[in-house]
Protein backbone atom coordinates (compact mmCIF):
# COMPACT_ATOMS: atom_id res chain seq x y z
CA MET A 1 0.05 -0.04 0.21
CA PRO A 2 1.41 3.27 -0.65
CA ALA A 3 2.76 5.09 2.51
CA LEU A 4 1.02 8.82 1.40
CA LEU A 5 -2.27 7.40 2.18
CA PRO A 6 -4.93 8.19 5.40
CA THR A 7 -5.38 5.34 7.48
CA THR A 8 -6.79 6.88 10.86
CA PRO A 9 -9.02 9.95 10.83
CA ASN A 10 -5.52 11.33 12.77
CA SER A 11 -3.77 10.74 9.55
CA LEU A 12 -5.48 12.95 7.06
CA LEU A 13 -4.50 16.59 8.42
CA PRO A 14 -0.77 16.16 7.40
CA LEU A 15 -1.48 14.95 4.09
CA VAL A 16 -3.87 18.22 3.33
CA VAL A 17 -1.55 20.32 4.80
CA LYS A 18 1.28 19.29 2.68
CA ALA A 19 -0.69 19.54 -0.26
CA MET A 20 -1.21 22.97 0.35
CA SER A 21 2.05 23.56 1.20
CA ARG A 22 3.05 24.69 -2.01
CA THR A 23 1.16 27.89 -2.25
CA PRO A 24 3.38 30.31 -3.25
CA ASP A 25 1.16 33.61 -1.68
CA PRO A 26 2.99 32.81 1.64
CA ARG A 27 -0.15 34.60 3.39
CA LEU A 28 -2.42 32.35 2.02
CA ARG A 29 -0.56 29.32 3.00
CA GLN A 30 -0.66 30.36 6.39
CA LEU A 31 -4.37 30.99 6.65
CA MET A 32 -5.27 27.62 5.12
CA ALA A 33 -2.83 25.68 6.80
CA SER A 34 -4.18 27.11 10.26
CA LEU A 35 -7.79 27.23 9.30
CA THR A 36 -7.80 23.54 8.09
CA THR A 37 -5.74 22.58 10.96
CA HIS A 38 -8.47 24.17 13.07
CA LEU A 39 -11.26 22.41 11.27
CA HIS A 40 -9.98 19.00 11.11
CA GLN A 41 -9.74 18.96 15.51
CA PHE A 42 -12.84 20.68 15.40
CA VAL A 43 -14.26 17.42 13.66
CA LEU A 44 -12.42 15.20 15.66
CA ASP A 45 -12.33 16.89 18.99
CA ASN A 46 -16.59 16.82 18.17
CA GLN A 47 -16.78 13.40 16.83
CA VAL A 48 -18.95 14.96 13.91
CA THR A 49 -21.52 12.85 12.39
CA GLU A 50 -22.37 12.77 8.62
CA SER A 51 -25.60 14.04 9.71
CA GLU A 52 -24.22 17.14 11.43
CA PHE A 53 -21.80 17.38 8.59
CA GLU A 54 -24.59 17.80 6.04
CA ALA A 55 -26.55 20.30 8.15
CA ALA A 56 -23.34 21.81 8.04
CA VAL A 57 -23.22 22.15 4.41
CA GLY A 58 -26.32 22.95 3.76
CA PHE A 59 -26.03 25.94 6.27
CA LEU A 60 -23.29 27.37 4.06
CA ILE A 61 -25.55 26.90 1.25
CA GLY A 62 -28.69 28.38 2.33
CA ILE A 63 -26.86 31.53 3.66
CA GLY A 64 -25.32 32.22 0.23
CA GLN A 65 -28.70 31.30 -1.47
CA ALA A 66 -30.45 33.77 0.88
CA THR A 67 -27.78 36.61 -0.43
CA ASN A 68 -29.41 39.06 -2.54
CA ASP A 69 -30.09 42.72 -3.65
CA THR A 70 -31.78 43.43 -0.13
CA LYS A 71 -29.51 41.65 2.42
CA ASN A 72 -26.54 39.28 2.99
CA GLU A 73 -27.00 36.56 4.77
CA VAL A 74 -23.16 35.47 4.64
CA ILE A 75 -22.14 38.46 6.63
CA LEU A 76 -25.13 38.39 8.97
CA ALA A 77 -23.75 34.78 9.94
CA ALA A 78 -20.45 36.33 10.70
CA ASP A 79 -22.36 39.03 12.78
CA LEU A 80 -24.25 36.02 14.70
CA LEU A 81 -20.90 34.38 15.80
CA GLY A 82 -19.22 37.60 17.11
CA VAL A 83 -16.57 37.01 14.02
CA SER A 84 -17.38 40.67 13.13
CA THR A 85 -16.77 42.59 15.80
CA LEU A 86 -14.11 40.38 16.77
CA VAL A 87 -12.18 41.41 13.43
CA ALA A 88 -13.28 45.08 13.93
CA LEU A 89 -11.86 44.82 17.43
CA LEU A 90 -8.75 43.02 16.10
CA ASN A 91 -7.81 45.69 13.54
CA ASN A 92 -8.71 48.82 15.28
CA GLN A 93 -7.10 48.86 18.51
CA ASP A 94 -5.21 51.88 20.08
CA PRO A 95 -2.10 50.75 21.25
CA HIS A 96 -0.70 54.40 21.55
CA GLY A 97 -3.25 55.75 23.70
CA HIS A 98 -4.30 58.33 21.12
CA GLY A 99 -8.11 57.76 22.05
CA THR A 100 -8.83 56.62 18.91
CA THR A 101 -12.67 56.32 17.97
CA GLN A 102 -13.93 52.50 18.34
CA SER A 103 -14.44 50.95 15.66
CA ALA A 104 -17.39 48.64 15.12
CA LEU A 105 -18.81 45.94 12.44
CA LEU A 106 -20.01 47.47 9.15
CA GLY A 107 -23.39 45.40 9.31
CA PRO A 108 -25.19 44.28 6.29
CA PHE A 109 -27.09 47.26 4.99
CA TRP A 110 -24.57 49.73 3.65
CA ARG A 111 -24.80 51.32 0.07
CA ALA A 112 -22.19 53.48 -1.32
CA ASN A 113 -22.72 56.59 -3.06
CA SER A 114 -25.27 57.57 -0.81
CA PRO A 115 -26.17 61.43 -1.42
CA VAL A 116 -23.77 63.76 -0.95
CA CYS A 117 -25.13 66.77 1.71
CA ALA A 118 -24.58 70.12 3.04
CA ALA A 119 -24.37 71.01 6.70
CA GLY A 120 -27.33 70.63 8.58
CA ASP A 121 -29.23 68.60 5.51
CA ASN A 122 -32.06 66.04 6.53
CA ILE A 123 -31.69 62.87 5.59
CA ALA A 124 -35.14 62.01 6.00
CA ARG A 125 -36.26 62.28 2.97
CA SER A 126 -39.78 59.88 3.12
CA PRO A 127 -42.61 60.95 5.70
CA THR A 128 -41.74 58.08 8.34
CA GLY A 129 -42.37 60.19 11.18
CA GLY A 130 -40.76 59.58 14.15
CA THR A 131 -38.55 62.27 16.68
CA PRO A 132 -36.41 64.36 14.83
CA LEU A 133 -32.60 64.07 15.79
CA GLU A 134 -30.18 66.58 15.38
CA ILE A 135 -26.29 64.97 15.16
CA ARG A 136 -22.93 67.17 15.64
CA GLY A 137 -19.55 66.53 16.25
CA ARG A 138 -15.95 67.32 14.65
CA VAL A 139 -13.29 64.54 13.07
CA LEU A 140 -9.89 64.50 14.63
CA ASP A 141 -6.64 63.44 13.61
CA HIS A 142 -4.87 61.07 16.44
CA ASN A 143 -3.55 64.14 17.87
CA GLY A 144 -6.47 66.26 18.23
CA ARG A 145 -6.25 68.66 15.64
CA PRO A 146 -9.34 68.90 13.43
CA LEU A 147 -9.56 67.37 9.78
CA ALA A 148 -11.18 69.65 7.52
CA GLY A 149 -12.83 67.78 4.39
CA ALA A 150 -13.42 64.70 6.04
CA MET A 151 -16.49 62.75 4.59
CA VAL A 152 -18.93 61.60 7.50
CA ASP A 153 -21.10 59.38 5.87
CA VAL A 154 -24.31 58.16 7.90
CA TRP A 155 -27.21 55.56 7.85
CA GLN A 156 -29.66 54.11 9.92
CA SER A 157 -32.98 52.56 10.10
CA ASP A 158 -36.38 54.46 10.07
CA PRO A 159 -38.83 54.97 13.59
CA ARG A 160 -39.90 50.80 12.41
CA GLY A 161 -36.62 49.52 12.50
CA LEU A 162 -36.61 49.06 8.61
CA TYR A 163 -33.97 50.80 5.89
CA GLU A 164 -34.89 51.86 3.19
CA ASN A 165 -33.85 49.40 0.85
CA GLN A 166 -36.35 47.19 2.56
CA ASP A 167 -39.22 49.01 2.89
CA PRO A 168 -40.84 50.07 -0.39
CA GLN A 169 -42.47 52.80 0.82
CA GLN A 170 -39.52 54.48 1.48
CA GLU A 171 -37.36 56.78 -1.24
CA ASN A 172 -34.31 55.71 -2.16
CA MET A 173 -31.37 56.21 -0.32
CA ASN A 174 -34.01 57.40 2.49
CA LEU A 175 -32.07 58.18 6.03
CA ARG A 176 -28.31 57.73 4.35
CA GLY A 177 -26.19 60.80 3.47
CA ARG A 178 -22.72 62.21 3.45
CA PHE A 179 -21.51 64.96 4.91
CA THR A 180 -18.21 67.29 4.42
CA THR A 181 -16.51 68.37 7.57
CA ASN A 182 -15.35 72.33 7.59
CA ASP A 183 -12.08 74.27 8.55
CA GLN A 184 -12.89 73.35 11.89
CA GLY A 185 -13.98 69.46 11.52
CA GLU A 186 -17.38 69.92 12.27
CA TYR A 187 -20.61 68.22 10.69
CA PHE A 188 -23.84 68.78 10.91
CA VAL A 189 -26.92 65.97 10.11
CA ARG A 190 -30.69 65.94 10.55
CA THR A 191 -32.46 62.69 10.40
CA ILE A 192 -35.14 61.18 12.95
CA GLN A 193 -34.24 59.07 15.85
CA PRO A 194 -33.36 55.32 14.67
CA ALA A 195 -35.47 52.38 16.09
CA GLY A 196 -34.08 48.72 16.96
CA TYR A 197 -34.77 46.30 14.94
CA PRO A 198 -34.82 42.38 14.42
CA VAL A 199 -31.87 41.24 11.82
CA PRO A 200 -33.85 39.24 9.15
CA THR A 201 -34.75 35.90 10.69
CA ASP A 202 -36.22 34.16 7.43
CA GLY A 203 -33.18 32.54 6.38
CA PRO A 204 -30.59 30.04 7.68
CA CYS A 205 -29.50 32.59 9.92
CA GLY A 206 -32.90 33.03 11.90
CA ASP A 207 -32.98 29.33 12.13
CA LEU A 208 -29.95 29.20 14.18
CA LEU A 209 -31.19 32.09 16.03
CA ARG A 210 -34.14 29.99 17.42
CA ALA A 211 -32.30 26.64 17.69
CA GLN A 212 -30.43 28.56 20.06
CA ASP A 213 -33.16 30.50 21.83
CA ARG A 214 -31.55 33.60 20.89
CA HIS A 215 -33.40 36.88 20.25
CA PRO A 216 -32.97 38.77 16.92
CA TYR A 217 -33.67 42.22 18.35
CA ARG A 218 -30.40 45.19 17.89
CA PRO A 219 -30.67 48.03 19.96
CA ALA A 220 -31.40 51.00 18.20
CA HIS A 221 -28.05 53.32 16.64
CA VAL A 222 -26.74 55.04 13.81
CA HIS A 223 -23.83 54.14 11.51
CA PHE A 224 -21.07 56.16 10.61
CA MET A 225 -18.32 55.86 8.43
CA VAL A 226 -15.41 58.61 8.51
CA SER A 227 -12.82 59.00 5.54
CA HIS A 228 -10.02 61.40 5.25
CA PRO A 229 -7.03 60.71 2.67
CA GLY A 230 -4.26 59.73 4.67
CA TYR A 231 -6.18 57.93 7.27
CA LYS A 232 -7.92 54.68 7.70
CA VAL A 233 -11.33 54.62 7.19
CA LEU A 234 -13.25 54.56 10.13
CA VAL A 235 -16.43 52.19 10.18
CA THR A 236 -18.36 52.47 13.21
CA GLN A 237 -22.34 52.73 15.19
CA VAL A 238 -23.50 55.24 18.18
CA PHE A 239 -26.20 53.44 20.06
CA PRO A 240 -28.38 55.70 22.90
CA SER A 241 -27.69 55.08 26.28
CA ASP A 242 -30.80 54.41 27.09
CA ALA A 243 -31.93 51.70 24.20
CA GLU A 244 -33.15 48.19 24.79
CA HIS A 245 -30.91 45.26 24.23
CA LEU A 246 -27.81 47.05 24.68
CA GLU A 247 -26.40 43.97 26.86
CA SER A 248 -27.99 41.45 24.59
CA ASP A 249 -27.13 42.62 20.65
CA PRO A 250 -27.27 39.26 18.87
CA THR A 251 -24.49 40.60 16.51
CA PHE A 252 -22.51 41.47 19.58
CA GLY A 253 -21.88 45.09 18.09
CA VAL A 254 -22.26 47.18 21.45
CA THR A 255 -19.32 47.94 22.86
CA ALA A 256 -18.90 50.54 26.07
CA ALA A 257 -16.64 52.83 24.06
CA LEU A 258 -19.58 53.09 21.76
CA VAL A 259 -22.71 53.94 23.45
CA GLY A 260 -23.51 57.87 23.29
CA GLU A 261 -25.62 59.89 25.15
CA PHE A 262 -28.95 60.99 23.11
CA ARG A 263 -30.43 64.27 24.72
CA HIS A 264 -34.29 64.47 24.62
CA GLU A 265 -35.10 68.14 24.51
CA SER A 266 -38.17 70.25 23.59
CA ARG A 267 -37.50 73.12 21.22
CA ASN A 268 -40.84 75.51 20.34
CA GLY A 269 -43.00 72.75 22.63
CA GLN A 270 -41.83 69.77 20.03
CA PRO A 271 -39.41 67.34 21.33
CA ILE A 272 -36.01 66.40 19.58
CA ASN A 273 -32.87 64.83 20.39
CA THR A 274 -29.54 65.96 20.46
CA LEU A 275 -26.12 63.65 20.00
CA GLN A 276 -22.59 65.35 19.70
CA ALA A 277 -20.32 62.23 18.28
CA ASP A 278 -16.64 63.38 17.49
CA PHE A 279 -14.36 60.97 15.88
CA ARG A 280 -10.85 60.46 15.50
CA LEU A 281 -8.97 58.86 13.00
CA ILE A 282 -5.72 57.32 13.15
CA PRO A 283 -3.38 57.51 9.75
CA GLY A 284 -3.02 54.83 7.25
CA ALA A 285 -4.61 53.58 3.73
CA THR A 286 -7.57 54.87 3.26
CA VAL A 287 -9.45 51.70 1.82
CA PHE A 288 -13.00 51.45 1.36
CA PRO A 289 -14.71 48.28 2.42
CA HIS A 290 -17.10 46.33 -0.44
CA PRO A 291 -20.32 47.17 -0.08
CA PRO A 292 -22.47 44.39 1.23
CA ILE A 293 -25.69 45.28 -1.17
CA PRO A 294 -25.68 47.32 -4.09
């Protein structure tokens, strides 16, 4: 019998790793060897059955088939497993203590090329109701100096917890906009208070949540993507301190640094909320993520 053939479960892994050892790209070679090693060890440690393996393959096929123009089930799966937040935290640490803004997961609903807005424009372009919200802040560099000409891309759900691409009653690109900072690094957004919402549960990820007895509700939040040439693109979120489900976000997207103070005020006898959200960027390549949806 040829020597380089598997004879036992434990004898297979070295052959697989050796077969991939000629991969020219050293980083790809490292990643695939590590991934394969962990996968084999997972199967061995848990004595995975054939039916369990079939179910796992079906889940992977399902999240691909459930990804479309209105949602990205693959990103959602990474979110629900905490992987998206882990990657964001790992790659956006502040080792020098500059007080840079903490990153957060991108989520499945960002769209590129949202409308360019002037300071103070209202991104609530459809009559969705809700409490008005004013967001002001500054974009600073790692030394605390204002960055003029920084782009602040904002997107959020409506007061019912729906993004416009999920809701035919909302205008295209409703509650989305890009704002440029002035010479003092300031930006100003008018919008409405967003609501929390359930992550999509009509696909395999919903089946997984139900099987784990987990609720699907994300706390209310506003998304920001802040960029300036010569600085790393910041993807983050801000959550109201009084939002429901802060400690049980199914995507594990809430960290202490991302909880903001949404102030409840009255103006001319009408309720209005305000938020001060400042962002501090770190030098680096200005690389934008790939949009999860068109």
